């Protein structure tokens, strides 16, 4: 089994496309290069819920995790 990088997988699949499709891929790559990267600052869960006047404890979070991940 070989490990393939994303770049290798893209190139391998690109070679299977017609020239018209390859041009579309190139146009898309150029679009992505020009697209500004906008990072949104992360807010803490407590900060996001502050306006609700809720208190979320570590035990509340642990209980929610147990409930979500419990075997079916």
PDB file of N, CA and C in Angstrom:
ATOM      1  N   UNK A   1       0.856  -1.188   0.000  1.00  0.00           N
ATOM      2  CA  UNK A   1       0.000   0.000   0.000  1.00  0.00           C
ATOM      3  C   UNK A   1       0.896   1.243   0.000  1.00  0.00           C
ATOM      4  N   UNK A   2       0.601   2.180  -0.874  1.00  0.00           N
ATOM      5  CA  UNK A   2       1.397   3.396  -0.947  1.00  0.00           C
ATOM      6  C   UNK A   2       0.633   4.561  -0.335  1.00  0.00           C
ATOM      7  N   UNK A   3       1.374   5.449   0.267  1.00  0.00           N
ATOM      8  CA  UNK A   3       0.785   6.656   0.834  1.00  0.00           C
ATOM      9  C   UNK A   3       0.828   7.730  -0.243  1.00  0.00           C
ATOM     10  N   UNK A   4      -0.318   8.306  -0.532  1.00  0.00           N
ATOM     11  CA  UNK A   4      -0.418   9.321  -1.569  1.00  0.00           C
ATOM     12  C   UNK A   4      -0.690  10.672  -0.929  1.00  0.00           C
ATOM     13  N   UNK A   5       0.089  11.658  -1.346  1.00  0.00           N
ATOM     14  CA  UNK A   5      -0.169  13.000  -0.843  1.00  0.00           C
ATOM     15  C   UNK A   5      -1.333  13.592  -1.633  1.00  0.00           C
ATOM     16  N   UNK A   6      -1.881  14.654  -1.111  1.00  0.00           N
ATOM     17  CA  UNK A   6      -2.964  15.345  -1.814  1.00  0.00           C
ATOM     18  C   UNK A   6      -2.483  15.807  -3.177  1.00  0.00           C
ATOM     19  N   UNK A   7      -1.287  16.352  -3.222  1.00  0.00           N
ATOM     20  CA  UNK A   7      -0.745  16.834  -4.497  1.00  0.00           C
ATOM     21  C   UNK A   7      -0.658  15.699  -5.513  1.00  0.00           C
ATOM     22  N   UNK A   8      -0.152  14.552  -5.078  1.00  0.00           N
ATOM     23  CA  UNK A   8      -0.032  13.412  -5.992  1.00  0.00           C
ATOM     24  C   UNK A   8      -1.402  12.945  -6.476  1.00  0.00           C
ATOM     25  N   UNK A   9      -2.375  12.918  -5.577  1.00  0.00           N
ATOM     26  CA  UNK A   9      -3.723  12.489  -5.947  1.00  0.00           C
ATOM     27  C   UNK A   9      -4.346  13.468  -6.936  1.00  0.00           C
ATOM     28  N   UNK A  10      -4.138  14.760  -6.717  1.00  0.00           N
ATOM     29  CA  UNK A  10      -4.685  15.766  -7.630  1.00  0.00           C
ATOM     30  C   UNK A  10      -4.065  15.613  -9.012  1.00  0.00           C
ATOM     31  N   UNK A  11      -2.744  15.493  -9.058  1.00  0.00           N
ATOM     32  CA  UNK A  11      -2.045  15.364 -10.350  1.00  0.00           C
ATOM     33  C   UNK A  11      -2.485  14.089 -11.064  1.00  0.00           C
ATOM     34  N   UNK A  12      -2.573  12.993 -10.323  1.00  0.00           N
ATOM     35  CA  UNK A  12      -2.983  11.721 -10.914  1.00  0.00           C
ATOM     36  C   UNK A  12      -4.375  11.825 -11.529  1.00  0.00           C
ATOM     37  N   UNK A  13      -5.302  12.439 -10.799  1.00  0.00           N
ATOM     38  CA  UNK A  13      -6.659  12.581 -11.305  1.00  0.00           C
ATOM     39  C   UNK A  13      -6.752  13.629 -12.405  1.00  0.00           C
ATOM     40  N   UNK A  14      -5.943  14.661 -12.313  1.00  0.00           N
ATOM     41  CA  UNK A  14      -5.917  15.703 -13.330  1.00  0.00           C
ATOM     42  C   UNK A  14      -5.539  15.120 -14.686  1.00  0.00           C
ATOM     43  N   UNK A  15      -4.600  14.212 -14.682  1.00  0.00           N
ATOM     44  CA  UNK A  15      -4.137  13.592 -15.937  1.00  0.00           C
ATOM     45  C   UNK A  15      -5.237  12.792 -16.625  1.00  0.00           C
ATOM     46  N   UNK A  16      -6.236  12.369 -15.889  1.00  0.00           N
ATOM     47  CA  UNK A  16      -7.336  11.588 -16.464  1.00  0.00           C
ATOM     48  C   UNK A  16      -8.382  12.464 -17.149  1.00  0.00           C
ATOM     49  N   UNK A  17      -8.310  13.778 -16.920  1.00  0.00           N
ATOM     50  CA  UNK A  17      -9.308  14.691 -17.466  1.00  0.00           C
ATOM     51  C   UNK A  17      -8.938  15.163 -18.872  1.00  0.00           C
ATOM     52  N   UNK A  18      -9.969  15.582 -19.600  1.00  0.00           N
ATOM     53  CA  UNK A  18      -9.730  16.200 -20.905  1.00  0.00           C
ATOM     54  C   UNK A  18      -9.066  17.558 -20.693  1.00  0.00           C
ATOM     55  N   UNK A  19      -8.509  18.105 -21.781  1.00  0.00           N
ATOM     56  CA  UNK A  19      -7.849  19.415 -21.660  1.00  0.00           C
ATOM     57  C   UNK A  19      -8.826  20.492 -21.208  1.00  0.00           C
ATOM     58  N   UNK A  20     -10.077  20.429 -21.674  1.00  0.00           N
ATOM     59  CA  UNK A  20     -11.073  21.420 -21.249  1.00  0.00           C
ATOM     60  C   UNK A  20     -11.294  21.361 -19.740  1.00  0.00           C
ATOM     61  N   UNK A  21     -11.410  20.146 -19.222  1.00  0.00           N
ATOM     62  CA  UNK A  21     -11.606  19.979 -17.775  1.00  0.00           C
ATOM     63  C   UNK A  21     -10.357  20.397 -17.005  1.00  0.00           C
ATOM     64  N   UNK A  22      -9.178  20.107 -17.547  1.00  0.00           N
ATOM     65  CA  UNK A  22      -7.936  20.525 -16.896  1.00  0.00           C
ATOM     66  C   UNK A  22      -7.873  22.048 -16.803  1.00  0.00           C
ATOM     67  N   UNK A  23      -8.343  22.741 -17.855  1.00  0.00           N
ATOM     68  CA  UNK A  23      -8.360  24.204 -17.827  1.00  0.00           C
ATOM     69  C   UNK A  23      -9.310  24.707 -16.741  1.00  0.00           C
ATOM     70  N   UNK A  24     -10.449  24.034 -16.579  1.00  0.00           N
ATOM     71  CA  UNK A  24     -11.381  24.409 -15.507  1.00  0.00           C
ATOM     72  C   UNK A  24     -10.712  24.264 -14.141  1.00  0.00           C
ATOM     73  N   UNK A  25      -9.969  23.186 -13.971  1.00  0.00           N
ATOM     74  CA  UNK A  25      -9.263  22.971 -12.700  1.00  0.00           C
ATOM     75  C   UNK A  25      -8.247  24.086 -12.483  1.00  0.00           C
ATOM     76  N   UNK A  26      -7.495  24.422 -13.523  1.00  0.00           N
ATOM     77  CA  UNK A  26      -6.509  25.498 -13.422  1.00  0.00           C
ATOM     78  C   UNK A  26      -7.185  26.827 -13.072  1.00  0.00           C
ATOM     79  N   UNK A  27      -8.307  27.117 -13.712  1.00  0.00           N
ATOM     80  CA  UNK A  27      -9.048  28.346 -13.411  1.00  0.00           C
ATOM     81  C   UNK A  27      -9.497  28.359 -11.948  1.00  0.00           C
ATOM     82  N   UNK A  28      -9.944  27.204 -11.462  1.00  0.00           N
ATOM     83  CA  UNK A  28     -10.396  27.116 -10.072  1.00  0.00           C
ATOM     84  C   UNK A  28      -9.239  27.320  -9.103  1.00  0.00           C
ATOM     85  N   UNK A  29      -8.093  26.724  -9.425  1.00  0.00           N
ATOM     86  CA  UNK A  29      -6.912  26.896  -8.568  1.00  0.00           C
ATOM     87  C   UNK A  29      -6.525  28.365  -8.506  1.00  0.00           C
ATOM     88  N   UNK A  30      -6.541  29.033  -9.644  1.00  0.00           N
ATOM     89  CA  UNK A  30      -6.210  30.466  -9.664  1.00  0.00           C
ATOM     90  C   UNK A  30      -7.223  31.279  -8.864  1.00  0.00           C
ATOM     91  N   UNK A  31      -8.494  30.896  -8.942  1.00  0.00           N
ATOM     92  CA  UNK A  31      -9.525  31.555  -8.144  1.00  0.00           C
ATOM     93  C   UNK A  31      -9.227  31.387  -6.653  1.00  0.00           C
ATOM     94  N   UNK A  32      -8.881  30.169  -6.246  1.00  0.00           N
ATOM     95  CA  UNK A  32      -8.579  29.915  -4.835  1.00  0.00           C
ATOM     96  C   UNK A  32      -7.369  30.701  -4.362  1.00  0.00           C
ATOM     97  N   UNK A  33      -6.376  30.869  -5.242  1.00  0.00           N
ATOM     98  CA  UNK A  33      -5.181  31.618  -4.874  1.00  0.00           C
ATOM     99  C   UNK A  33      -5.508  33.082  -4.616  1.00  0.00           C
ATOM    100  N   UNK A  34      -6.481  33.610  -5.327  1.00  0.00           N
ATOM    101  CA  UNK A  34      -6.834  35.024  -5.190  1.00  0.00           C
ATOM    102  C   UNK A  34      -7.844  35.277  -4.080  1.00  0.00           C
ATOM    103  N   UNK A  35      -8.540  34.239  -3.675  1.00  0.00           N
ATOM    104  CA  UNK A  35      -9.580  34.368  -2.648  1.00  0.00           C
ATOM    105  C   UNK A  35      -8.932  34.730  -1.313  1.00  0.00           C
ATOM    106  N   UNK A  36      -9.383  35.818  -0.705  1.00  0.00           N
ATOM    107  CA  UNK A  36      -8.781  36.194   0.586  1.00  0.00           C
ATOM    108  C   UNK A  36      -9.148  35.184   1.676  1.00  0.00           C
ATOM    109  N   UNK A  37      -8.188  34.948   2.541  1.00  0.00           N
ATOM    110  CA  UNK A  37      -8.416  34.047   3.663  1.00  0.00           C
ATOM    111  C   UNK A  37      -8.949  34.882   4.814  1.00  0.00           C
ATOM    112  N   UNK A  38     -10.171  34.596   5.205  1.00  0.00           N
ATOM    113  CA  UNK A  38     -10.756  35.324   6.331  1.00  0.00           C
ATOM    114  C   UNK A  38     -10.856  34.381   7.515  1.00  0.00           C
ATOM    115  N   UNK A  39     -10.223  34.772   8.574  1.00  0.00           N
ATOM    116  CA  UNK A  39     -10.282  33.981   9.793  1.00  0.00           C
ATOM    117  C   UNK A  39     -11.199  34.690  10.775  1.00  0.00           C
ATOM    118  N   UNK A  40     -12.136  33.933  11.277  1.00  0.00           N
ATOM    119  CA  UNK A  40     -13.052  34.477  12.268  1.00  0.00           C
ATOM    120  C   UNK A  40     -12.519  34.123  13.647  1.00  0.00           C
ATOM    121  N   UNK A  41     -12.413  35.106  14.505  1.00  0.00           N
ATOM    122  CA  UNK A  41     -11.910  34.795  15.849  1.00  0.00           C
ATOM    123  C   UNK A  41     -12.865  33.840  16.556  1.00  0.00           C
ATOM    124  N   UNK A  42     -12.299  32.879  17.233  1.00  0.00           N
ATOM    125  CA  UNK A  42     -13.123  31.923  17.959  1.00  0.00           C
ATOM    126  C   UNK A  42     -13.541  32.510  19.295  1.00  0.00           C
ATOM    127  N   UNK A  43     -14.789  32.247  19.639  1.00  0.00           N
ATOM    128  CA  UNK A  43     -15.288  32.663  20.940  1.00  0.00           C
ATOM    129  C   UNK A  43     -15.434  31.424  21.804  1.00  0.00           C
ATOM    130  N   UNK A  44     -15.208  31.592  23.064  1.00  0.00           N
ATOM    131  CA  UNK A  44     -15.383  30.447  23.955  1.00  0.00           C
ATOM    132  C   UNK A  44     -16.870  30.113  24.050  1.00  0.00           C
ATOM    133  N   UNK A  45     -17.163  28.874  24.386  1.00  0.00           N
ATOM    134  CA  UNK A  45     -18.550  28.461  24.551  1.00  0.00           C
ATOM    135  C   UNK A  45     -19.232  29.309  25.611  1.00  0.00           C
ATOM    136  N   UNK A  46     -18.531  29.560  26.699  1.00  0.00           N
ATOM    137  CA  UNK A  46     -19.123  30.369  27.766  1.00  0.00           C
ATOM    138  C   UNK A  46     -19.386  31.792  27.283  1.00  0.00           C
ATOM    139  N   UNK A  47     -18.474  32.345  26.495  1.00  0.00           N
ATOM    140  CA  UNK A  47     -18.675  33.679  25.955  1.00  0.00           C
ATOM    141  C   UNK A  47     -19.839  33.722  24.988  1.00  0.00           C
ATOM    142  N   UNK A  48     -19.993  32.674  24.194  1.00  0.00           N
ATOM    143  CA  UNK A  48     -21.080  32.618  23.213  1.00  0.00           C
ATOM    144  C   UNK A  48     -22.439  32.488  23.891  1.00  0.00           C
ATOM    145  N   UNK A  49     -22.465  31.895  25.068  1.00  0.00           N
ATOM    146  CA  UNK A  49     -23.732  31.698  25.781  1.00  0.00           C
ATOM    147  C   UNK A  49     -23.973  32.733  26.879  1.00  0.00           C
ATOM    148  N   UNK A  50     -23.078  33.678  27.020  1.00  0.00           N
ATOM    149  CA  UNK A  50     -23.162  34.637  28.126  1.00  0.00           C
ATOM    150  C   UNK A  50     -24.493  35.384  28.139  1.00  0.00           C
ATOM    151  N   UNK A  51     -25.008  35.742  26.976  1.00  0.00           N
ATOM    152  CA  UNK A  51     -26.253  36.507  26.924  1.00  0.00           C
ATOM    153  C   UNK A  51     -27.465  35.688  27.368  1.00  0.00           C
ATOM    154  N   UNK A  52     -27.314  34.362  27.482  1.00  0.00           N
ATOM    155  CA  UNK A  52     -28.415  33.501  27.912  1.00  0.00           C
ATOM    156  C   UNK A  52     -28.446  33.308  29.427  1.00  0.00           C
ATOM    157  N   UNK A  53     -27.462  33.881  30.115  1.00  0.00           N
ATOM    158  CA  UNK A  53     -27.348  33.742  31.571  1.00  0.00           C
ATOM    159  C   UNK A  53     -27.347  32.275  31.997  1.00  0.00           C
ATOM    160  N   UNK A  54     -26.630  31.443  31.207  1.00  0.00           N
ATOM    161  CA  UNK A  54     -26.511  30.021  31.531  1.00  0.00           C
ATOM    162  C   UNK A  54     -25.141  29.761  32.127  1.00  0.00           C
ATOM    163  N   UNK A  55     -25.095  28.800  33.035  1.00  0.00           N
ATOM    164  CA  UNK A  55     -23.801  28.389  33.573  1.00  0.00           C
ATOM    165  C   UNK A  55     -23.566  26.958  33.133  1.00  0.00           C
ATOM    166  N   UNK A  56     -22.541  26.742  32.342  1.00  0.00           N
ATOM    167  CA  UNK A  56     -22.179  25.404  31.873  1.00  0.00           C
ATOM    168  C   UNK A  56     -20.938  24.981  32.634  1.00  0.00           C
ATOM    169  N   UNK A  57     -21.079  23.884  33.358  1.00  0.00           N
ATOM    170  CA  UNK A  57     -19.953  23.400  34.154  1.00  0.00           C
ATOM    171  C   UNK A  57     -19.196  22.311  33.391  1.00  0.00           C
ATOM    172  N   UNK A  58     -18.018  22.003  33.886  1.00  0.00           N
ATOM    173  CA  UNK A  58     -17.236  20.918  33.296  1.00  0.00           C
ATOM    174  C   UNK A  58     -18.008  19.610  33.402  1.00  0.00           C
ATOM    175  N   UNK A  59     -18.744  19.412  34.479  1.00  0.00           N
ATOM    176  CA  UNK A  59     -19.543  18.198  34.640  1.00  0.00           C
ATOM    177  C   UNK A  59     -20.672  18.148  33.610  1.00  0.00           C
ATOM    178  N   UNK A  60     -21.284  19.311  33.299  1.00  0.00           N
ATOM    179  CA  UNK A  60     -22.323  19.351  32.260  1.00  0.00           C
ATOM    180  C   UNK A  60     -21.753  18.890  30.914  1.00  0.00           C
ATOM    181  N   UNK A  61     -20.567  19.360  30.602  1.00  0.00           N
ATOM    182  CA  UNK A  61     -19.919  18.993  29.342  1.00  0.00           C
ATOM    183  C   UNK A  61     -19.564  17.512  29.341  1.00  0.00           C
ATOM    184  N   UNK A  62     -19.030  17.016  30.457  1.00  0.00           N
ATOM    185  CA  UNK A  62     -18.666  15.600  30.565  1.00  0.00           C
ATOM    186  C   UNK A  62     -19.907  14.724  30.410  1.00  0.00           C
ATOM    187  N   UNK A  63     -21.015  15.124  31.016  1.00  0.00           N
ATOM    188  CA  UNK A  63     -22.256  14.358  30.913  1.00  0.00           C
ATOM    189  C   UNK A  63     -22.763  14.345  29.469  1.00  0.00           C
ATOM    190  N   UNK A  64     -22.698  15.484  28.796  1.00  0.00           N
ATOM    191  CA  UNK A  64     -23.128  15.553  27.398  1.00  0.00           C
ATOM    192  C   UNK A  64     -22.258  14.646  26.529  1.00  0.00           C
ATOM    193  N   UNK A  65     -20.959  14.640  26.780  1.00  0.00           N
ATOM    194  CA  UNK A  65     -20.066  13.757  26.014  1.00  0.00           C
ATOM    195  C   UNK A  65     -20.405  12.294  26.240  1.00  0.00           C
ATOM    196  N   UNK A  66     -20.642  11.925  27.519  1.00  0.00           N
ATOM    197  CA  UNK A  66     -20.994  10.538  27.825  1.00  0.00           C
ATOM    198  C   UNK A  66     -22.290  10.144  27.096  1.00  0.00           C
ATOM    199  N   UNK A  67     -23.242  11.050  27.082  1.00  0.00           N
ATOM    200  CA  UNK A  67     -24.522  10.779  26.445  1.00  0.00           C
ATOM    201  C   UNK A  67     -24.373  10.616  24.936  1.00  0.00           C
ATOM    202  N   UNK A  68     -23.570  11.471  24.343  1.00  0.00           N
ATOM    203  CA  UNK A  68     -23.369  11.425  22.891  1.00  0.00           C
ATOM    204  C   UNK A  68     -22.622  10.167  22.487  1.00  0.00           C
ATOM    205  N   UNK A  69     -21.599   9.802  23.251  1.00  0.00           N
ATOM    206  CA  UNK A  69     -20.711   8.707  22.857  1.00  0.00           C
ATOM    207  C   UNK A  69     -21.074   7.361  23.465  1.00  0.00           C
ATOM    208  N   UNK A  70     -22.201   7.280  24.190  1.00  0.00           N
ATOM    209  CA  UNK A  70     -22.549   5.986  24.792  1.00  0.00           C
ATOM    210  C   UNK A  70     -22.900   4.982  23.699  1.00  0.00           C
ATOM    211  N   UNK A  71     -22.548   3.715  23.922  1.00  0.00           N
ATOM    212  CA  UNK A  71     -22.842   2.666  22.930  1.00  0.00           C
ATOM    213  C   UNK A  71     -24.349   2.525  22.730  1.00  0.00           C
ATOM    214  N   UNK A  72     -24.744   2.261  21.533  1.00  0.00           N
ATOM    215  CA  UNK A  72     -26.177   2.095  21.218  1.00  0.00           C
ATOM    216  C   UNK A  72     -26.646   0.699  21.488  1.00  0.00           C
TER     217      UNK A  72
END
